[in-house]
Amino acid sequence: MRELLTTVGIGFVSGVLSGAFGIGGGIVTTPAIALILGAPALIAVGTPLPVIFPSAVTGAINYFKRGSLDVRAGVTCGLVGSAFAVVGALVTQFVGGTIVLLATAALILYTAVDMILQVLRPPRLGLEASEERDAFTETDASGAATSLPRPVAWWSYAAIGALTGFYSGFLGLGGGFVLVPILTRWLGFDIKRAIGTSLLAIAILAIPGTITHALLGHIDWGLAAMLAIGVIPGAMLGSKIALGSSDRGLRIAFAVMLLLVGGWLGLREIGWLR
């Protein structure tokens, strides 16, 4: 019973982070399965993958209902990213090691700082800014104005999906760490729309990885089922918290999460954490 409650609890925490920040949640489940539940490393890597799908879909539905999800962007990024995730996974056979992971930590930390700067940057003033804001805003289900991204060509989403998928497959981290900041910085998505879109893409990205690890026997399906019991309500709660938060507060929270992940990864690779 204790193991069941612990596993469900791990799933719940993972689901909250997934729904709130548009990430897969593997950053929690993989080390927790290995360190807390004592599962072998390959099982710890493979088992979270089938759990990502219900978690991401649950969160994505909440964002879609609130008008904070770009289906075209999410599907394109997910489908293209799935192919490049396989490429990224294959490349790990030839390139890898501490230097790559330290570079990843540096990238995550840079992204966190960049997002904080986006929050601190003073708003544009004047007629041009007002007209631009009016042209690209709509009212969501709660009656609040939410910004709309400018029209984007499908190949832009495909390129972003390729980068996200390759990163996810190569480094084994959820694509949301890359996708959400790219959508906000490069394409002007508001943070909630970026998170909702990321969840849809991640749900698609998880499918090929799940199939691959299932064929390799790296998934403990009983453990995955117990995790799913926790991730679904966790994702519902996380998405509701995020949708009820201010854009500024959510950006800061996402940046703090990135700082923690980047710091943890960097310190682990230089041997300061185990």
C-alpha atoms as a PDB file:
ATOM      1  CA  MET A   1       0.000   0.000   0.000  1.00  0.00           C
ATOM      2  CA  ARG A   2       2.833   2.380   0.832  1.00  0.00           C
ATOM      3  CA  GLU A   3       4.423   1.788  -2.568  1.00  0.00           C
ATOM      4  CA  LEU A   4       1.071   2.386  -4.283  1.00  0.00           C
ATOM      5  CA  LEU A   5       0.544   5.696  -2.477  1.00  0.00           C
ATOM      6  CA  THR A   6       4.135   6.762  -3.165  1.00  0.00           C
ATOM      7  CA  THR A   7       3.803   5.976  -6.865  1.00  0.00           C
ATOM      8  CA  VAL A   8       0.468   7.771  -7.166  1.00  0.00           C
ATOM      9  CA  GLY A   9       2.015  10.737  -5.340  1.00  0.00           C
ATOM     10  CA  ILE A  10       4.930  10.846  -7.764  1.00  0.00           C
ATOM     11  CA  GLY A  11       2.473  10.783 -10.640  1.00  0.00           C
ATOM     12  CA  PHE A  12       0.423  13.580  -9.081  1.00  0.00           C
ATOM     13  CA  VAL A  13       3.433  15.887  -8.693  1.00  0.00           C
ATOM     14  CA  SER A  14       4.508  15.107 -12.249  1.00  0.00           C
ATOM     15  CA  GLY A  15       1.001  15.846 -13.509  1.00  0.00           C
ATOM     16  CA  VAL A  16       0.833  19.190 -11.720  1.00  0.00           C
ATOM     17  CA  LEU A  17       4.131  20.289 -13.302  1.00  0.00           C
ATOM     18  CA  SER A  18       3.006  19.015 -16.697  1.00  0.00           C
ATOM     19  CA  GLY A  19      -0.312  20.872 -16.627  1.00  0.00           C
ATOM     20  CA  ALA A  20       1.175  24.044 -15.182  1.00  0.00           C
ATOM     21  CA  PHE A  21       4.258  24.356 -17.390  1.00  0.00           C
ATOM     22  CA  GLY A  22       3.602  22.299 -20.539  1.00  0.00           C
ATOM     23  CA  ILE A  23       6.383  19.774 -19.885  1.00  0.00           C
ATOM     24  CA  GLY A  24       6.331  15.988 -20.001  1.00  0.00           C
ATOM     25  CA  GLY A  25       7.037  15.485 -16.316  1.00  0.00           C
ATOM     26  CA  GLY A  26       9.874  13.021 -16.857  1.00  0.00           C
ATOM     27  CA  ILE A  27      12.200  15.333 -14.953  1.00  0.00           C
ATOM     28  CA  VAL A  28      10.289  14.175 -11.838  1.00  0.00           C
ATOM     29  CA  THR A  29       9.172  10.651 -12.662  1.00  0.00           C
ATOM     30  CA  THR A  30      12.415   9.240 -14.065  1.00  0.00           C
ATOM     31  CA  PRO A  31      14.657  10.039 -11.058  1.00  0.00           C
ATOM     32  CA  ALA A  32      11.832   9.255  -8.619  1.00  0.00           C
ATOM     33  CA  ILE A  33      11.237   5.794 -10.116  1.00  0.00           C
ATOM     34  CA  ALA A  34      14.953   5.047  -9.930  1.00  0.00           C
ATOM     35  CA  LEU A  35      15.806   6.592  -6.560  1.00  0.00           C
ATOM     36  CA  ILE A  36      12.594   6.217  -4.537  1.00  0.00           C
ATOM     37  CA  LEU A  37      11.045   3.079  -6.033  1.00  0.00           C
ATOM     38  CA  GLY A  38      14.373   1.375  -6.795  1.00  0.00           C
ATOM     39  CA  ALA A  39      13.552   0.416 -10.386  1.00  0.00           C
ATOM     40  CA  PRO A  40      16.337  -0.312 -12.918  1.00  0.00           C
ATOM     41  CA  ALA A  41      17.570   2.651 -14.964  1.00  0.00           C
ATOM     42  CA  LEU A  42      16.000   1.539 -18.263  1.00  0.00           C
ATOM     43  CA  ILE A  43      12.636   0.985 -16.576  1.00  0.00           C
ATOM     44  CA  ALA A  44      12.914   4.452 -15.018  1.00  0.00           C
ATOM     45  CA  VAL A  45      13.487   5.960 -18.453  1.00  0.00           C
ATOM     46  CA  GLY A  46      10.825   3.994 -20.343  1.00  0.00           C
ATOM     47  CA  THR A  47       7.953   3.780 -17.863  1.00  0.00           C
ATOM     48  CA  PRO A  48       7.116   7.519 -17.709  1.00  0.00           C
ATOM     49  CA  LEU A  49       6.597   7.707 -21.485  1.00  0.00           C
ATOM     50  CA  PRO A  50       3.113   6.103 -21.714  1.00  0.00           C
ATOM     51  CA  VAL A  51       2.083   8.214 -18.709  1.00  0.00           C
ATOM     52  CA  ILE A  52       2.959  11.435 -20.538  1.00  0.00           C
ATOM     53  CA  PHE A  53       0.121  10.924 -23.011  1.00  0.00           C
ATOM     54  CA  PRO A  54      -2.851  10.991 -20.582  1.00  0.00           C
ATOM     55  CA  SER A  55      -1.181  13.726 -18.543  1.00  0.00           C
ATOM     56  CA  ALA A  56      -0.530  15.967 -21.548  1.00  0.00           C
ATOM     57  CA  VAL A  57      -3.946  15.342 -23.092  1.00  0.00           C
ATOM     58  CA  THR A  58      -5.734  16.115 -19.809  1.00  0.00           C
ATOM     59  CA  GLY A  59      -3.907  19.425 -19.475  1.00  0.00           C
ATOM     60  CA  ALA A  60      -4.302  20.265 -23.168  1.00  0.00           C
ATOM     61  CA  ILE A  61      -8.079  19.833 -22.969  1.00  0.00           C
ATOM     62  CA  ASN A  62      -8.290  22.421 -20.199  1.00  0.00           C
ATOM     63  CA  TYR A  63      -6.215  24.900 -22.210  1.00  0.00           C
ATOM     64  CA  PHE A  64      -8.278  24.225 -25.339  1.00  0.00           C
ATOM     65  CA  LYS A  65     -11.511  24.948 -23.487  1.00  0.00           C
ATOM     66  CA  ARG A  66     -10.103  28.329 -22.459  1.00  0.00           C
ATOM     67  CA  GLY A  67      -8.917  29.159 -25.971  1.00  0.00           C
ATOM     68  CA  SER A  68      -5.264  28.868 -24.937  1.00  0.00           C
ATOM     69  CA  LEU A  69      -4.129  26.203 -27.391  1.00  0.00           C
ATOM     70  CA  ASP A  70      -3.091  26.464 -31.045  1.00  0.00           C
ATOM     71  CA  VAL A  71      -4.091  23.103 -32.516  1.00  0.00           C
ATOM     72  CA  ARG A  72      -2.310  23.690 -35.843  1.00  0.00           C
ATOM     73  CA  ALA A  73       0.947  24.575 -34.124  1.00  0.00           C
ATOM     74  CA  GLY A  74       0.721  21.733 -31.619  1.00  0.00           C
ATOM     75  CA  VAL A  75      -0.060  19.029 -34.177  1.00  0.00           C
ATOM     76  CA  THR A  76       2.626  20.229 -36.619  1.00  0.00           C
ATOM     77  CA  CYS A  77       5.298  20.484 -33.920  1.00  0.00           C
ATOM     78  CA  GLY A  78       4.299  17.098 -32.524  1.00  0.00           C
ATOM     79  CA  LEU A  79       4.269  15.189 -35.814  1.00  0.00           C
ATOM     80  CA  VAL A  80       7.520  16.658 -37.147  1.00  0.00           C
ATOM     81  CA  GLY A  81       9.098  16.441 -33.720  1.00  0.00           C
ATOM     82  CA  SER A  82       8.265  12.739 -33.465  1.00  0.00           C
ATOM     83  CA  ALA A  83      10.419  11.960 -36.496  1.00  0.00           C
ATOM     84  CA  PHE A  84      13.311  14.077 -35.267  1.00  0.00           C
ATOM     85  CA  ALA A  85      13.082  12.586 -31.776  1.00  0.00           C
ATOM     86  CA  VAL A  86      14.047   9.261 -33.331  1.00  0.00           C
ATOM     87  CA  VAL A  87      16.973  10.967 -35.079  1.00  0.00           C
ATOM     88  CA  GLY A  88      18.063  12.570 -31.835  1.00  0.00           C
ATOM     89  CA  ALA A  89      17.932   9.261 -30.010  1.00  0.00           C
ATOM     90  CA  LEU A  90      20.059   7.594 -32.698  1.00  0.00           C
ATOM     91  CA  VAL A  91      22.652  10.388 -32.609  1.00  0.00           C
ATOM     92  CA  THR A  92      23.246   9.748 -28.903  1.00  0.00           C
ATOM     93  CA  GLN A  93      25.116   6.604 -29.949  1.00  0.00           C
ATOM     94  CA  PHE A  94      27.829   8.756 -31.515  1.00  0.00           C
ATOM     95  CA  VAL A  95      27.793  11.984 -29.499  1.00  0.00           C
ATOM     96  CA  GLY A  96      27.191  12.516 -25.813  1.00  0.00           C
ATOM     97  CA  GLY A  97      28.873  12.813 -22.485  1.00  0.00           C
ATOM     98  CA  THR A  98      29.322  15.429 -19.829  1.00  0.00           C
ATOM     99  CA  ILE A  99      30.101  18.312 -22.187  1.00  0.00           C
ATOM    100  CA  VAL A 100      26.782  17.937 -24.015  1.00  0.00           C
ATOM    101  CA  LEU A 101      24.808  17.745 -20.779  1.00  0.00           C
ATOM    102  CA  LEU A 102      26.611  20.765 -19.353  1.00  0.00           C
ATOM    103  CA  ALA A 103      25.783  22.648 -22.549  1.00  0.00           C
ATOM    104  CA  THR A 104      22.155  21.602 -22.067  1.00  0.00           C
ATOM    105  CA  ALA A 105      22.181  22.936 -18.516  1.00  0.00           C
ATOM    106  CA  ALA A 106      23.637  26.208 -19.796  1.00  0.00           C
ATOM    107  CA  LEU A 107      20.916  26.430 -22.461  1.00  0.00           C
ATOM    108  CA  ILE A 108      18.173  25.866 -19.896  1.00  0.00           C
ATOM    109  CA  LEU A 109      19.656  28.489 -17.559  1.00  0.00           C
ATOM    110  CA  TYR A 110      19.970  30.967 -20.433  1.00  0.00           C
ATOM    111  CA  THR A 111      16.334  30.360 -21.353  1.00  0.00           C
ATOM    112  CA  ALA A 112      15.311  31.001 -17.740  1.00  0.00           C
ATOM    113  CA  VAL A 113      17.187  34.305 -17.633  1.00  0.00           C
ATOM    114  CA  ASP A 114      15.738  35.308 -21.011  1.00  0.00           C
ATOM    115  CA  MET A 115      12.205  34.655 -19.773  1.00  0.00           C
ATOM    116  CA  ILE A 116      12.836  36.734 -16.652  1.00  0.00           C
ATOM    117  CA  LEU A 117      14.084  39.562 -18.881  1.00  0.00           C
ATOM    118  CA  GLN A 118      10.872  39.291 -20.892  1.00  0.00           C
ATOM    119  CA  VAL A 119       8.969  39.919 -17.666  1.00  0.00           C
ATOM    120  CA  LEU A 120      11.162  42.820 -16.600  1.00  0.00           C
ATOM    121  CA  ARG A 121      11.278  44.482 -20.018  1.00  0.00           C
ATOM    122  CA  PRO A 122       9.133  47.630 -19.925  1.00  0.00           C
ATOM    123  CA  PRO A 123       6.037  47.553 -22.167  1.00  0.00           C
ATOM    124  CA  ARG A 124       6.020  49.479 -25.414  1.00  0.00           C
ATOM    125  CA  LEU A 125       4.121  52.690 -25.259  1.00  0.00           C
ATOM    126  CA  GLY A 126       2.381  54.819 -27.867  1.00  0.00           C
ATOM    127  CA  LEU A 127      -0.159  54.430 -30.661  1.00  0.00           C
ATOM    128  CA  GLU A 128       1.748  51.721 -32.540  1.00  0.00           C
ATOM    129  CA  ALA A 129       1.868  49.444 -29.528  1.00  0.00           C
ATOM    130  CA  SER A 130      -1.817  50.074 -28.774  1.00  0.00           C
ATOM    131  CA  GLU A 131      -2.873  49.285 -32.339  1.00  0.00           C
ATOM    132  CA  GLU A 132      -0.739  46.135 -32.393  1.00  0.00           C
ATOM    133  CA  ARG A 133      -2.252  44.987 -29.116  1.00  0.00           C
ATOM    134  CA  ASP A 134      -5.795  45.589 -30.368  1.00  0.00           C
ATOM    135  CA  ALA A 135      -5.101  43.691 -33.568  1.00  0.00           C
ATOM    136  CA  PHE A 136      -3.853  40.594 -31.839  1.00  0.00           C
ATOM    137  CA  THR A 137      -6.046  40.156 -28.787  1.00  0.00           C
ATOM    138  CA  GLU A 138      -9.212  38.238 -28.095  1.00  0.00           C
ATOM    139  CA  THR A 139     -11.374  37.570 -25.072  1.00  0.00           C
ATOM    140  CA  ASP A 140     -11.063  34.160 -23.441  1.00  0.00           C
ATOM    141  CA  ALA A 141     -13.800  32.220 -21.653  1.00  0.00           C
ATOM    142  CA  SER A 142     -13.314  34.200 -18.449  1.00  0.00           C
ATOM    143  CA  GLY A 143     -13.744  37.522 -20.238  1.00  0.00           C
ATOM    144  CA  ALA A 144     -10.078  38.475 -19.957  1.00  0.00           C
ATOM    145  CA  ALA A 145      -8.105  39.702 -22.956  1.00  0.00           C
ATOM    146  CA  THR A 146      -5.455  37.306 -24.176  1.00  0.00           C
ATOM    147  CA  SER A 147      -2.894  37.988 -26.882  1.00  0.00           C
ATOM    148  CA  LEU A 148      -2.932  36.101 -30.165  1.00  0.00           C
ATOM    149  CA  PRO A 149       0.228  35.196 -32.045  1.00  0.00           C
ATOM    150  CA  ARG A 150       0.639  36.655 -35.522  1.00  0.00           C
ATOM    151  CA  PRO A 151      -0.154  34.291 -38.421  1.00  0.00           C
ATOM    152  CA  VAL A 152       2.725  31.851 -38.865  1.00  0.00           C
ATOM    153  CA  ALA A 153       3.572  29.644 -41.842  1.00  0.00           C
ATOM    154  CA  TRP A 154       3.337  25.905 -41.228  1.00  0.00           C
ATOM    155  CA  TRP A 155       7.017  25.405 -42.048  1.00  0.00           C
ATOM    156  CA  SER A 156       7.941  27.635 -39.097  1.00  0.00           C
ATOM    157  CA  TYR A 157       6.072  25.274 -36.785  1.00  0.00           C
ATOM    158  CA  ALA A 158       7.720  22.321 -38.562  1.00  0.00           C
ATOM    159  CA  ALA A 159      11.183  23.796 -37.969  1.00  0.00           C
ATOM    160  CA  ILE A 160      10.400  24.402 -34.305  1.00  0.00           C
ATOM    161  CA  GLY A 161       8.996  20.877 -34.018  1.00  0.00           C
ATOM    162  CA  ALA A 162      12.166  19.444 -35.572  1.00  0.00           C
ATOM    163  CA  LEU A 163      14.361  21.313 -33.086  1.00  0.00           C
ATOM    164  CA  THR A 164      12.149  20.337 -30.158  1.00  0.00           C
ATOM    165  CA  GLY A 165      11.938  16.684 -31.182  1.00  0.00           C
ATOM    166  CA  PHE A 166      15.674  16.359 -31.786  1.00  0.00           C
ATOM    167  CA  TYR A 167      16.417  17.944 -28.420  1.00  0.00           C
ATOM    168  CA  SER A 168      13.929  15.669 -26.663  1.00  0.00           C
ATOM    169  CA  GLY A 169      15.270  12.494 -28.271  1.00  0.00           C
ATOM    170  CA  PHE A 170      18.925  13.446 -27.920  1.00  0.00           C
ATOM    171  CA  LEU A 171      18.896  14.565 -24.302  1.00  0.00           C
ATOM    172  CA  GLY A 172      15.940  12.662 -22.886  1.00  0.00           C
ATOM    173  CA  LEU A 173      14.259  15.785 -21.513  1.00  0.00           C
ATOM    174  CA  GLY A 174      10.712  16.854 -22.262  1.00  0.00           C
ATOM    175  CA  GLY A 175      10.257  18.996 -25.360  1.00  0.00           C
ATOM    176  CA  GLY A 176       8.367  21.602 -23.346  1.00  0.00           C
ATOM    177  CA  PHE A 177      11.635  22.954 -21.963  1.00  0.00           C
ATOM    178  CA  VAL A 178      12.444  24.081 -25.503  1.00  0.00           C
ATOM    179  CA  LEU A 179       9.028  24.543 -27.091  1.00  0.00           C
ATOM    180  CA  VAL A 180       7.430  26.927 -24.590  1.00  0.00           C
ATOM    181  CA  PRO A 181      10.305  29.466 -24.597  1.00  0.00           C
ATOM    182  CA  ILE A 182      10.582  29.322 -28.410  1.00  0.00           C
ATOM    183  CA  LEU A 183       6.873  29.971 -28.873  1.00  0.00           C
ATOM    184  CA  THR A 184       6.935  32.932 -26.486  1.00  0.00           C
ATOM    185  CA  ARG A 185      10.210  34.468 -27.680  1.00  0.00           C
ATOM    186  CA  TRP A 186      10.203  33.801 -31.420  1.00  0.00           C
ATOM    187  CA  LEU A 187       6.507  33.667 -32.287  1.00  0.00           C
ATOM    188  CA  GLY A 188       5.008  36.003 -29.693  1.00  0.00           C
ATOM    189  CA  PHE A 189       2.695  33.471 -28.049  1.00  0.00           C
ATOM    190  CA  ASP A 190       1.429  34.455 -24.628  1.00  0.00           C
ATOM    191  CA  ILE A 191       2.688  32.042 -21.992  1.00  0.00           C
ATOM    192  CA  LYS A 192      -0.618  30.219 -21.480  1.00  0.00           C
ATOM    193  CA  ARG A 193      -1.136  29.586 -25.193  1.00  0.00           C
ATOM    194  CA  ALA A 194       2.464  28.375 -25.450  1.00  0.00           C
ATOM    195  CA  ILE A 195       1.980  25.933 -22.558  1.00  0.00           C
ATOM    196  CA  GLY A 196      -1.299  24.576 -23.941  1.00  0.00           C
ATOM    197  CA  THR A 197       0.217  24.137 -27.402  1.00  0.00           C
ATOM    198  CA  SER A 198       3.271  22.451 -25.889  1.00  0.00           C
ATOM    199  CA  LEU A 199       1.079  19.898 -24.095  1.00  0.00           C
ATOM    200  CA  LEU A 200      -0.579  18.871 -27.368  1.00  0.00           C
ATOM    201  CA  ALA A 201       2.803  18.524 -29.073  1.00  0.00           C
ATOM    202  CA  ILE A 202       4.219  16.524 -26.153  1.00  0.00           C
ATOM    203  CA  ALA A 203       1.274  14.111 -26.245  1.00  0.00           C
ATOM    204  CA  ILE A 204       2.144  13.327 -29.870  1.00  0.00           C
ATOM    205  CA  LEU A 205       5.894  13.239 -29.193  1.00  0.00           C
ATOM    206  CA  ALA A 206       5.421  10.606 -26.496  1.00  0.00           C
ATOM    207  CA  ILE A 207       3.875   8.044 -28.871  1.00  0.00           C
ATOM    208  CA  PRO A 208       6.958   6.872 -30.845  1.00  0.00           C
ATOM    209  CA  GLY A 209       9.078   6.782 -27.687  1.00  0.00           C
ATOM    210  CA  THR A 210       6.454   4.692 -25.930  1.00  0.00           C
ATOM    211  CA  ILE A 211       6.276   2.203 -28.799  1.00  0.00           C
ATOM    212  CA  THR A 212      10.067   1.924 -28.998  1.00  0.00           C
ATOM    213  CA  HIS A 213      10.594   1.350 -25.276  1.00  0.00           C
ATOM    214  CA  ALA A 214       7.637  -1.057 -25.122  1.00  0.00           C
ATOM    215  CA  LEU A 215       9.190  -3.201 -27.842  1.00  0.00           C
ATOM    216  CA  LEU A 216      12.482  -3.116 -25.946  1.00  0.00           C
ATOM    217  CA  GLY A 217      10.751  -4.207 -22.740  1.00  0.00           C
ATOM    218  CA  HIS A 218      11.644  -1.028 -20.848  1.00  0.00           C
ATOM    219  CA  ILE A 219       8.133  -0.251 -19.562  1.00  0.00           C
ATOM    220  CA  ASP A 220       6.655  -1.550 -16.317  1.00  0.00           C
ATOM    221  CA  TRP A 221       2.979  -1.285 -17.256  1.00  0.00           C
ATOM    222  CA  GLY A 222       1.733  -1.894 -13.720  1.00  0.00           C
ATOM    223  CA  LEU A 223       3.888   0.966 -12.457  1.00  0.00           C
ATOM    224  CA  ALA A 224       2.741   3.134 -15.358  1.00  0.00           C
ATOM    225  CA  ALA A 225      -0.898   2.491 -14.452  1.00  0.00           C
ATOM    226  CA  MET A 226      -0.287   3.578 -10.854  1.00  0.00           C
ATOM    227  CA  LEU A 227       1.480   6.722 -12.050  1.00  0.00           C
ATOM    228  CA  ALA A 228      -1.469   7.478 -14.357  1.00  0.00           C
ATOM    229  CA  ILE A 229      -3.836   7.443 -11.384  1.00  0.00           C
ATOM    230  CA  GLY A 230      -1.914  10.421 -10.044  1.00  0.00           C
ATOM    231  CA  VAL A 231      -0.957  12.318 -13.186  1.00  0.00           C
ATOM    232  CA  ILE A 232      -4.470  12.851 -14.527  1.00  0.00           C
ATOM    233  CA  PRO A 233      -5.870  14.776 -11.519  1.00  0.00           C
ATOM    234  CA  GLY A 234      -2.443  16.408 -11.137  1.00  0.00           C
ATOM    235  CA  ALA A 235      -2.537  17.689 -14.724  1.00  0.00           C
ATOM    236  CA  MET A 236      -6.084  18.981 -14.213  1.00  0.00           C
ATOM    237  CA  LEU A 237      -5.000  20.871 -11.096  1.00  0.00           C
ATOM    238  CA  GLY A 238      -1.794  22.193 -12.662  1.00  0.00           C
ATOM    239  CA  SER A 239      -3.552  23.509 -15.756  1.00  0.00           C
ATOM    240  CA  LYS A 240      -6.276  25.169 -13.678  1.00  0.00           C
ATOM    241  CA  ILE A 241      -3.659  26.881 -11.505  1.00  0.00           C
ATOM    242  CA  ALA A 242      -1.784  28.119 -14.565  1.00  0.00           C
ATOM    243  CA  LEU A 243      -4.911  29.335 -16.368  1.00  0.00           C
ATOM    244  CA  GLY A 244      -5.925  31.251 -13.251  1.00  0.00           C
ATOM    245  CA  SER A 245      -2.520  32.886 -12.880  1.00  0.00           C
ATOM    246  CA  SER A 246      -1.330  36.156 -14.377  1.00  0.00           C
ATOM    247  CA  ASP A 247       0.905  36.053 -17.434  1.00  0.00           C
ATOM    248  CA  ARG A 248       3.703  37.723 -15.462  1.00  0.00           C
ATOM    249  CA  GLY A 249       3.439  35.330 -12.531  1.00  0.00           C
ATOM    250  CA  LEU A 250       3.352  32.284 -14.796  1.00  0.00           C
ATOM    251  CA  ARG A 251       6.440  33.438 -16.704  1.00  0.00           C
ATOM    252  CA  ILE A 252       8.323  33.926 -13.459  1.00  0.00           C
ATOM    253  CA  ALA A 253       7.236  30.504 -12.176  1.00  0.00           C
ATOM    254  CA  PHE A 254       8.311  28.878 -15.453  1.00  0.00           C
ATOM    255  CA  ALA A 255      11.677  30.659 -15.275  1.00  0.00           C
ATOM    256  CA  VAL A 256      12.206  29.492 -11.680  1.00  0.00           C
ATOM    257  CA  MET A 257      11.396  25.926 -12.735  1.00  0.00           C
ATOM    258  CA  LEU A 258      13.972  26.192 -15.526  1.00  0.00           C
ATOM    259  CA  LEU A 259      16.566  27.570 -13.106  1.00  0.00           C
ATOM    260  CA  LEU A 260      16.030  24.607 -10.793  1.00  0.00           C
ATOM    261  CA  VAL A 261      16.222  22.063 -13.621  1.00  0.00           C
ATOM    262  CA  GLY A 262      19.253  23.685 -15.255  1.00  0.00           C
ATOM    263  CA  GLY A 263      21.032  24.044 -11.929  1.00  0.00           C
ATOM    264  CA  TRP A 264      20.289  20.456 -10.935  1.00  0.00           C
ATOM    265  CA  LEU A 265      21.481  19.084 -14.277  1.00  0.00           C
ATOM    266  CA  GLY A 266      24.678  21.163 -14.250  1.00  0.00           C
ATOM    267  CA  LEU A 267      25.586  20.353 -10.641  1.00  0.00           C
ATOM    268  CA  ARG A 268      24.898  16.672 -11.219  1.00  0.00           C
ATOM    269  CA  GLU A 269      27.181  16.543 -14.234  1.00  0.00           C
ATOM    270  CA  ILE A 270      30.104  18.221 -12.468  1.00  0.00           C
ATOM    271  CA  GLY A 271      29.716  15.755  -9.613  1.00  0.00           C
ATOM    272  CA  TRP A 272      28.314  18.021  -6.905  1.00  0.00           C
ATOM    273  CA  LEU A 273      24.989  16.147  -6.800  1.00  0.00           C
ATOM    274  CA  ARG A 274      24.262  12.451  -7.055  1.00  0.00           C
END
